[in-house]
Amino acid sequence: MKAEAKVNVKITLSPSLRHLSELSSEPEVFEVIAPDAPTCLRILADRFPSMKKWIYDKEGNLLPLIWFFVNGQQLQTNEFTQPLKDGDELFIVFGKV
């Protein structure tokens, strides 16, 4: 079985998500190791539980108000789990795009 490569991703949260999650005193950019956008978000939500109510419903499903942009390109819902590459920049938006 082939081992998954470690993928370092830089994450920026939209100002609205930072505000709602009370993360204004946290760094502007977070770095995580994750294979895809939803995993990046889950890692941050585990680190900052105040985010969870803004990004997941009661069943733990991603809310439709969450949008992902990788290197400036918006991911469509069916692309959320596409593999990220080392050094990708992920912007997570809460709200309408």
N, C-alpha and C. Protein backbone atom coordinates (compact mmCIF):
# COMPACT_ATOMS: atom_id res chain seq x y z
N MET A 1 0.85 -1.18 0.00
CA MET A 1 0.00 0.00 0.00
C MET A 1 0.89 1.24 0.00
N LYS A 2 0.59 2.18 -0.86
CA LYS A 2 1.38 3.39 -1.00
C LYS A 2 1.02 4.38 0.10
N ALA A 3 2.04 4.95 0.75
CA ALA A 3 1.79 5.94 1.80
C ALA A 3 1.38 7.26 1.17
N GLU A 4 0.44 7.95 1.81
CA GLU A 4 0.02 9.26 1.31
C GLU A 4 1.12 10.28 1.55
N ALA A 5 1.33 11.12 0.56
CA ALA A 5 2.32 12.18 0.70
C ALA A 5 1.81 13.22 1.68
N LYS A 6 2.73 13.82 2.41
CA LYS A 6 2.34 14.89 3.32
C LYS A 6 2.17 16.15 2.51
N VAL A 7 1.01 16.76 2.62
CA VAL A 7 0.68 17.94 1.84
C VAL A 7 0.51 19.11 2.79
N ASN A 8 1.45 20.06 2.71
CA ASN A 8 1.37 21.27 3.53
C ASN A 8 0.50 22.29 2.82
N VAL A 9 -0.53 22.78 3.52
CA VAL A 9 -1.49 23.72 2.95
C VAL A 9 -1.56 24.96 3.84
N LYS A 10 -1.58 26.13 3.21
CA LYS A 10 -1.76 27.39 3.93
C LYS A 10 -3.23 27.76 3.83
N ILE A 11 -3.86 28.03 4.98
CA ILE A 11 -5.29 28.31 5.02
C ILE A 11 -5.54 29.72 5.53
N THR A 12 -6.42 30.43 4.82
CA THR A 12 -6.90 31.73 5.27
C THR A 12 -8.42 31.61 5.39
N LEU A 13 -8.97 32.11 6.47
CA LEU A 13 -10.42 32.11 6.68
C LEU A 13 -10.98 33.48 6.31
N SER A 14 -12.20 33.49 5.78
CA SER A 14 -12.83 34.77 5.45
C SER A 14 -13.02 35.57 6.74
N PRO A 15 -13.03 36.91 6.61
CA PRO A 15 -13.23 37.75 7.80
C PRO A 15 -14.51 37.40 8.56
N SER A 16 -15.58 37.08 7.86
CA SER A 16 -16.83 36.75 8.55
C SER A 16 -16.70 35.47 9.37
N LEU A 17 -16.03 34.46 8.83
CA LEU A 17 -15.86 33.21 9.58
C LEU A 17 -14.93 33.42 10.77
N ARG A 18 -13.89 34.21 10.59
CA ARG A 18 -12.98 34.54 11.71
C ARG A 18 -13.75 35.25 12.82
N HIS A 19 -14.60 36.22 12.43
CA HIS A 19 -15.36 36.99 13.41
C HIS A 19 -16.38 36.10 14.15
N LEU A 20 -17.17 35.36 13.41
CA LEU A 20 -18.20 34.50 14.02
C LEU A 20 -17.58 33.45 14.94
N SER A 21 -16.41 32.97 14.57
CA SER A 21 -15.74 31.92 15.36
C SER A 21 -14.84 32.50 16.45
N GLU A 22 -14.87 33.81 16.59
CA GLU A 22 -14.09 34.51 17.62
C GLU A 22 -12.60 34.17 17.51
N LEU A 23 -12.06 34.30 16.30
CA LEU A 23 -10.66 33.99 16.05
C LEU A 23 -9.84 35.23 15.71
N SER A 24 -10.33 36.40 16.06
CA SER A 24 -9.63 37.62 15.66
C SER A 24 -8.24 37.73 16.26
N SER A 25 -7.98 37.07 17.37
CA SER A 25 -6.64 37.14 17.97
C SER A 25 -5.71 36.04 17.45
N GLU A 26 -6.22 35.19 16.58
CA GLU A 26 -5.42 34.10 16.01
C GLU A 26 -4.69 34.58 14.75
N PRO A 27 -3.67 33.86 14.30
CA PRO A 27 -2.94 34.27 13.10
C PRO A 27 -3.85 34.38 11.88
N GLU A 28 -3.45 35.19 10.92
CA GLU A 28 -4.22 35.35 9.68
C GLU A 28 -4.16 34.09 8.82
N VAL A 29 -3.02 33.41 8.84
CA VAL A 29 -2.81 32.22 8.01
C VAL A 29 -2.44 31.05 8.91
N PHE A 30 -3.09 29.92 8.65
CA PHE A 30 -2.82 28.68 9.38
C PHE A 30 -2.16 27.72 8.41
N GLU A 31 -1.28 26.88 8.93
CA GLU A 31 -0.67 25.84 8.09
C GLU A 31 -1.04 24.49 8.68
N VAL A 32 -1.52 23.61 7.81
CA VAL A 32 -1.88 22.26 8.23
C VAL A 32 -1.35 21.26 7.20
N ILE A 33 -1.33 20.01 7.60
CA ILE A 33 -1.01 18.92 6.68
C ILE A 33 -2.30 18.15 6.47
N ALA A 34 -2.81 18.18 5.24
CA ALA A 34 -4.09 17.52 4.94
C ALA A 34 -4.19 17.25 3.45
N PRO A 35 -4.91 16.19 3.07
CA PRO A 35 -4.99 15.82 1.66
C PRO A 35 -6.02 16.60 0.84
N ASP A 36 -7.04 17.20 1.52
CA ASP A 36 -8.10 17.89 0.77
C ASP A 36 -8.70 19.00 1.62
N ALA A 37 -9.54 19.83 0.99
CA ALA A 37 -10.11 21.01 1.65
C ALA A 37 -10.97 20.66 2.88
N PRO A 38 -11.90 19.70 2.78
CA PRO A 38 -12.70 19.38 3.97
C PRO A 38 -11.86 18.91 5.16
N THR A 39 -10.78 18.19 4.90
CA THR A 39 -9.91 17.74 5.98
C THR A 39 -9.20 18.93 6.62
N CYS A 40 -8.77 19.88 5.80
CA CYS A 40 -8.16 21.12 6.34
C CYS A 40 -9.12 21.81 7.29
N LEU A 41 -10.37 21.93 6.86
CA LEU A 41 -11.38 22.59 7.68
C LEU A 41 -11.64 21.82 8.97
N ARG A 42 -11.69 20.49 8.88
CA ARG A 42 -11.92 19.66 10.07
C ARG A 42 -10.77 19.83 11.07
N ILE A 43 -9.54 19.90 10.59
CA ILE A 43 -8.40 20.11 11.48
C ILE A 43 -8.53 21.44 12.21
N LEU A 44 -8.90 22.49 11.49
CA LEU A 44 -9.08 23.79 12.14
C LEU A 44 -10.24 23.77 13.13
N ALA A 45 -11.34 23.10 12.76
CA ALA A 45 -12.49 23.03 13.66
C ALA A 45 -12.15 22.25 14.93
N ASP A 46 -11.29 21.25 14.82
CA ASP A 46 -10.86 20.52 16.01
C ASP A 46 -9.98 21.41 16.88
N ARG A 47 -9.17 22.24 16.25
CA ARG A 47 -8.29 23.15 16.98
C ARG A 47 -9.08 24.30 17.60
N PHE A 48 -10.13 24.75 16.88
CA PHE A 48 -10.94 25.88 17.33
C PHE A 48 -12.42 25.47 17.32
N PRO A 49 -12.89 24.82 18.38
CA PRO A 49 -14.27 24.31 18.42
C PRO A 49 -15.35 25.37 18.19
N SER A 50 -15.04 26.64 18.42
CA SER A 50 -16.03 27.70 18.20
C SER A 50 -16.45 27.79 16.73
N MET A 51 -15.69 27.21 15.84
CA MET A 51 -16.02 27.23 14.40
C MET A 51 -17.13 26.24 14.05
N LYS A 52 -17.22 25.16 14.80
CA LYS A 52 -18.06 24.04 14.39
C LYS A 52 -19.51 24.42 14.10
N LYS A 53 -20.11 25.27 14.94
CA LYS A 53 -21.53 25.59 14.72
C LYS A 53 -21.75 26.42 13.47
N TRP A 54 -20.69 27.03 12.94
CA TRP A 54 -20.80 27.86 11.74
C TRP A 54 -20.51 27.09 10.46
N ILE A 55 -19.92 25.89 10.59
CA ILE A 55 -19.53 25.17 9.38
C ILE A 55 -20.22 23.81 9.20
N TYR A 56 -20.74 23.25 10.30
CA TYR A 56 -21.39 21.93 10.22
C TYR A 56 -22.82 21.99 10.76
N ASP A 57 -23.70 21.15 10.18
CA ASP A 57 -25.05 21.04 10.72
C ASP A 57 -25.02 20.05 11.90
N LYS A 58 -26.20 19.77 12.46
CA LYS A 58 -26.27 18.90 13.65
C LYS A 58 -25.81 17.48 13.38
N GLU A 59 -25.88 17.05 12.10
CA GLU A 59 -25.44 15.70 11.73
C GLU A 59 -23.95 15.67 11.37
N GLY A 60 -23.29 16.82 11.41
CA GLY A 60 -21.88 16.88 11.08
C GLY A 60 -21.57 17.10 9.61
N ASN A 61 -22.60 17.42 8.83
CA ASN A 61 -22.40 17.68 7.40
C ASN A 61 -22.00 19.14 7.19
N LEU A 62 -21.18 19.37 6.20
CA LEU A 62 -20.73 20.71 5.86
C LEU A 62 -21.91 21.57 5.43
N LEU A 63 -22.03 22.75 6.00
CA LEU A 63 -23.11 23.66 5.63
C LEU A 63 -22.90 24.19 4.21
N PRO A 64 -24.00 24.47 3.49
CA PRO A 64 -23.86 24.97 2.11
C PRO A 64 -23.30 26.39 2.03
N LEU A 65 -23.16 27.07 3.15
CA LEU A 65 -22.59 28.42 3.13
C LEU A 65 -21.07 28.42 3.18
N ILE A 66 -20.45 27.24 3.14
CA ILE A 66 -18.99 27.14 3.15
C ILE A 66 -18.51 26.93 1.71
N TRP A 67 -17.57 27.79 1.31
CA TRP A 67 -16.99 27.72 -0.02
C TRP A 67 -15.47 27.61 0.10
N PHE A 68 -14.88 26.84 -0.78
CA PHE A 68 -13.43 26.67 -0.80
C PHE A 68 -12.84 27.26 -2.08
N PHE A 69 -11.73 27.94 -1.93
CA PHE A 69 -10.96 28.44 -3.07
C PHE A 69 -9.53 27.93 -2.91
N VAL A 70 -9.02 27.28 -3.94
CA VAL A 70 -7.65 26.79 -3.92
C VAL A 70 -6.85 27.59 -4.94
N ASN A 71 -5.83 28.27 -4.43
CA ASN A 71 -4.99 29.12 -5.28
C ASN A 71 -5.84 30.08 -6.12
N GLY A 72 -6.90 30.61 -5.49
CA GLY A 72 -7.75 31.61 -6.15
C GLY A 72 -8.88 31.05 -6.99
N GLN A 73 -8.94 29.73 -7.16
CA GLN A 73 -9.99 29.11 -7.98
C GLN A 73 -11.04 28.46 -7.09
N GLN A 74 -12.30 28.85 -7.31
CA GLN A 74 -13.39 28.28 -6.51
C GLN A 74 -13.59 26.82 -6.84
N LEU A 75 -13.71 26.00 -5.80
CA LEU A 75 -14.04 24.58 -5.99
C LEU A 75 -15.55 24.43 -6.01
N GLN A 76 -16.04 23.65 -6.94
CA GLN A 76 -17.45 23.31 -6.97
C GLN A 76 -17.67 22.19 -5.94
N THR A 77 -18.89 22.00 -5.51
CA THR A 77 -19.19 21.01 -4.47
C THR A 77 -18.60 19.64 -4.80
N ASN A 78 -18.70 19.22 -6.05
CA ASN A 78 -18.19 17.89 -6.42
C ASN A 78 -16.66 17.84 -6.47
N GLU A 79 -15.98 18.98 -6.28
CA GLU A 79 -14.52 19.02 -6.30
C GLU A 79 -13.91 19.18 -4.90
N PHE A 80 -14.74 19.27 -3.87
CA PHE A 80 -14.24 19.55 -2.52
C PHE A 80 -13.18 18.55 -2.07
N THR A 81 -13.32 17.29 -2.46
CA THR A 81 -12.37 16.28 -1.99
C THR A 81 -11.22 16.03 -2.96
N GLN A 82 -11.08 16.89 -3.98
CA GLN A 82 -9.94 16.71 -4.89
C GLN A 82 -8.65 16.87 -4.11
N PRO A 83 -7.63 16.10 -4.45
CA PRO A 83 -6.37 16.18 -3.70
C PRO A 83 -5.72 17.56 -3.83
N LEU A 84 -5.19 18.03 -2.71
CA LEU A 84 -4.42 19.27 -2.70
C LEU A 84 -2.96 18.93 -2.95
N LYS A 85 -2.21 19.93 -3.40
CA LYS A 85 -0.78 19.76 -3.63
C LYS A 85 0.00 20.52 -2.57
N ASP A 86 1.20 20.06 -2.31
CA ASP A 86 2.07 20.72 -1.35
C ASP A 86 2.23 22.20 -1.73
N GLY A 87 1.99 23.08 -0.77
CA GLY A 87 2.13 24.51 -1.01
C GLY A 87 0.86 25.20 -1.48
N ASP A 88 -0.23 24.46 -1.69
CA ASP A 88 -1.48 25.10 -2.10
C ASP A 88 -1.95 26.08 -1.03
N GLU A 89 -2.67 27.10 -1.49
CA GLU A 89 -3.26 28.08 -0.58
C GLU A 89 -4.77 27.91 -0.64
N LEU A 90 -5.37 27.69 0.51
CA LEU A 90 -6.80 27.45 0.62
C LEU A 90 -7.45 28.63 1.32
N PHE A 91 -8.48 29.20 0.70
CA PHE A 91 -9.25 30.28 1.29
C PHE A 91 -10.63 29.72 1.57
N ILE A 92 -11.08 29.81 2.82
CA ILE A 92 -12.39 29.27 3.22
C ILE A 92 -13.31 30.44 3.50
N VAL A 93 -14.44 30.44 2.80
CA VAL A 93 -15.41 31.53 2.88
C VAL A 93 -16.69 31.05 3.54
N PHE A 94 -17.22 31.87 4.43
CA PHE A 94 -18.53 31.62 5.03
C PHE A 94 -19.47 32.67 4.45
N GLY A 95 -20.52 32.23 3.78
CA GLY A 95 -21.50 33.16 3.23
C GLY A 95 -21.69 32.94 1.74
N LYS A 96 -22.43 33.84 1.14
CA LYS A 96 -22.70 33.73 -0.29
C LYS A 96 -21.50 34.19 -1.08
N VAL A 97 -21.27 33.52 -2.20
CA VAL A 97 -20.17 33.90 -3.10
C VAL A 97 -20.75 34.54 -4.32
